[in-house]
Amino acid sequence: MSGFNPGDTQGTRDTQNGDGAAATEKEILRFLEARTKRSWETDADLFASGGLSSLFAMELVVHLEKSFGVSVRGADLRLDNFRTVTSMTGLVERLQKAAAGGPGE
């Protein structure tokens, strides 16, 4: 593994390398499965399936911010950014790029 540690916001910067998206996806799935006691597909609509509420979406925001060292603000707080594991992974990568001085969108 590439030094990924969900509790270490410095180590999570590795999500910018080649296997980073997979590591981000894996951590998000781990969190979801631990909190909901069920498994999820990366493209499953977490809210349409009745699995999650808007309150849980806020837990996801806090988890992403703490685990990946990003700040989710303003327009990024749209529910669509949290609808699937794939969309959350994309959000984390985009926010990390923007924080590192790369193009954000």
Protein backbone atom coordinates (compact mmCIF):
# COMPACT_ATOMS: atom_id res chain seq x y z
CA MET A 1 0.00 0.00 0.00
CA SER A 2 1.11 3.58 -0.50
CA GLY A 3 1.24 4.71 3.11
CA PHE A 4 -2.51 5.26 3.35
CA ASN A 5 -3.67 5.70 6.92
CA PRO A 6 -7.25 6.94 7.38
CA GLY A 7 -6.40 8.60 10.68
CA ASP A 8 -3.39 10.45 9.31
CA THR A 9 -4.39 13.43 7.20
CA GLN A 10 -0.81 13.90 6.02
CA GLY A 11 -0.46 10.31 4.77
CA THR A 12 -3.71 10.57 2.87
CA ARG A 13 -2.12 13.00 0.44
CA ASP A 14 -1.02 9.79 -1.34
CA THR A 15 -4.44 9.83 -3.00
CA GLN A 16 -2.88 12.03 -5.66
CA ASN A 17 -0.76 9.19 -7.05
CA GLY A 18 -1.83 6.36 -9.35
CA ASP A 19 -3.42 4.10 -6.74
CA GLY A 20 -4.82 7.01 -4.75
CA ALA A 21 -8.38 6.81 -6.08
CA ALA A 22 -8.53 3.12 -5.18
CA ALA A 23 -7.28 3.84 -1.65
CA THR A 24 -9.79 6.68 -1.25
CA GLU A 25 -12.60 4.49 -2.52
CA LYS A 26 -11.57 1.66 -0.20
CA GLU A 27 -11.57 3.95 2.86
CA ILE A 28 -14.99 5.42 2.00
CA LEU A 29 -16.41 1.90 1.55
CA ARG A 30 -14.86 0.83 4.86
CA PHE A 31 -16.49 3.76 6.64
CA LEU A 32 -19.90 3.18 5.03
CA GLU A 33 -19.86 -0.53 5.76
CA ALA A 34 -18.80 0.02 9.38
CA ARG A 35 -21.53 2.61 9.97
CA THR A 36 -24.39 0.93 8.06
CA LYS A 37 -23.50 -2.73 8.65
CA ARG A 38 -23.97 -3.55 4.96
CA SER A 39 -21.84 -3.64 1.85
CA TRP A 40 -22.10 -1.07 -0.93
CA GLU A 41 -21.22 -0.96 -4.61
CA THR A 42 -19.17 2.06 -5.66
CA ASP A 43 -21.90 3.24 -8.04
CA ALA A 44 -24.90 2.58 -5.77
CA ASP A 45 -27.04 5.64 -5.05
CA LEU A 46 -26.70 5.70 -1.28
CA PHE A 47 -29.71 7.95 -0.74
CA ALA A 48 -32.15 6.55 -3.33
CA SER A 49 -31.69 3.07 -1.87
CA GLY A 50 -33.02 4.33 1.46
CA GLY A 51 -29.71 3.45 3.08
CA LEU A 52 -28.74 6.93 4.19
CA SER A 53 -30.32 10.17 5.34
CA SER A 54 -29.29 13.78 4.89
CA LEU A 55 -28.08 13.71 8.50
CA PHE A 56 -25.75 10.85 7.61
CA ALA A 57 -24.52 12.97 4.68
CA MET A 58 -23.13 15.41 7.24
CA GLU A 59 -21.29 12.54 8.93
CA LEU A 60 -19.80 11.74 5.53
CA VAL A 61 -18.64 15.36 5.17
CA VAL A 62 -16.86 15.22 8.53
CA HIS A 63 -15.33 11.84 7.73
CA LEU A 64 -13.99 13.00 4.35
CA GLU A 65 -12.56 16.17 5.87
CA LYS A 66 -10.80 14.35 8.71
CA SER A 67 -9.64 11.31 6.76
CA PHE A 68 -8.41 13.07 3.64
CA GLY A 69 -7.41 16.51 4.89
CA VAL A 70 -9.89 18.37 2.69
CA SER A 71 -12.36 21.14 3.41
CA VAL A 72 -15.85 20.69 1.94
CA ARG A 73 -17.54 24.09 1.62
CA GLY A 74 -20.16 25.98 -0.35
CA ALA A 75 -21.18 24.44 -3.65
CA ASP A 76 -19.31 21.23 -2.79
CA LEU A 77 -21.91 20.48 -0.10
CA ARG A 78 -24.43 19.38 -2.77
CA LEU A 79 -25.98 15.99 -2.09
CA ASP A 80 -24.89 14.79 -5.55
CA ASN A 81 -21.25 14.89 -4.37
CA PHE A 82 -22.15 12.29 -1.71
CA ARG A 83 -24.63 10.17 -3.67
CA THR A 84 -22.15 7.40 -4.59
CA VAL A 85 -18.72 6.23 -3.44
CA THR A 86 -17.47 7.14 -6.92
CA SER A 87 -18.74 10.73 -6.61
CA MET A 88 -17.20 11.11 -3.13
CA THR A 89 -13.87 9.78 -4.43
CA GLY A 90 -13.95 12.34 -7.25
CA LEU A 91 -14.77 15.12 -4.79
CA VAL A 92 -11.85 14.20 -2.52
CA GLU A 93 -9.42 14.06 -5.45
CA ARG A 94 -10.61 17.42 -6.81
CA LEU A 95 -10.37 19.10 -3.40
CA GLN A 96 -6.91 17.68 -2.76
CA LYS A 97 -5.71 18.91 -6.16
CA ALA A 98 -7.11 22.38 -5.47
CA ALA A 99 -5.47 22.45 -2.02
CA ALA A 100 -2.15 21.45 -3.57
CA GLY A 101 -2.36 24.32 -6.04
CA GLY A 102 -3.60 22.29 -9.00
CA PRO A 103 -6.70 23.00 -11.07
CA GLY A 104 -9.78 22.51 -8.89
CA GLU A 105 -12.50 21.98 -11.45
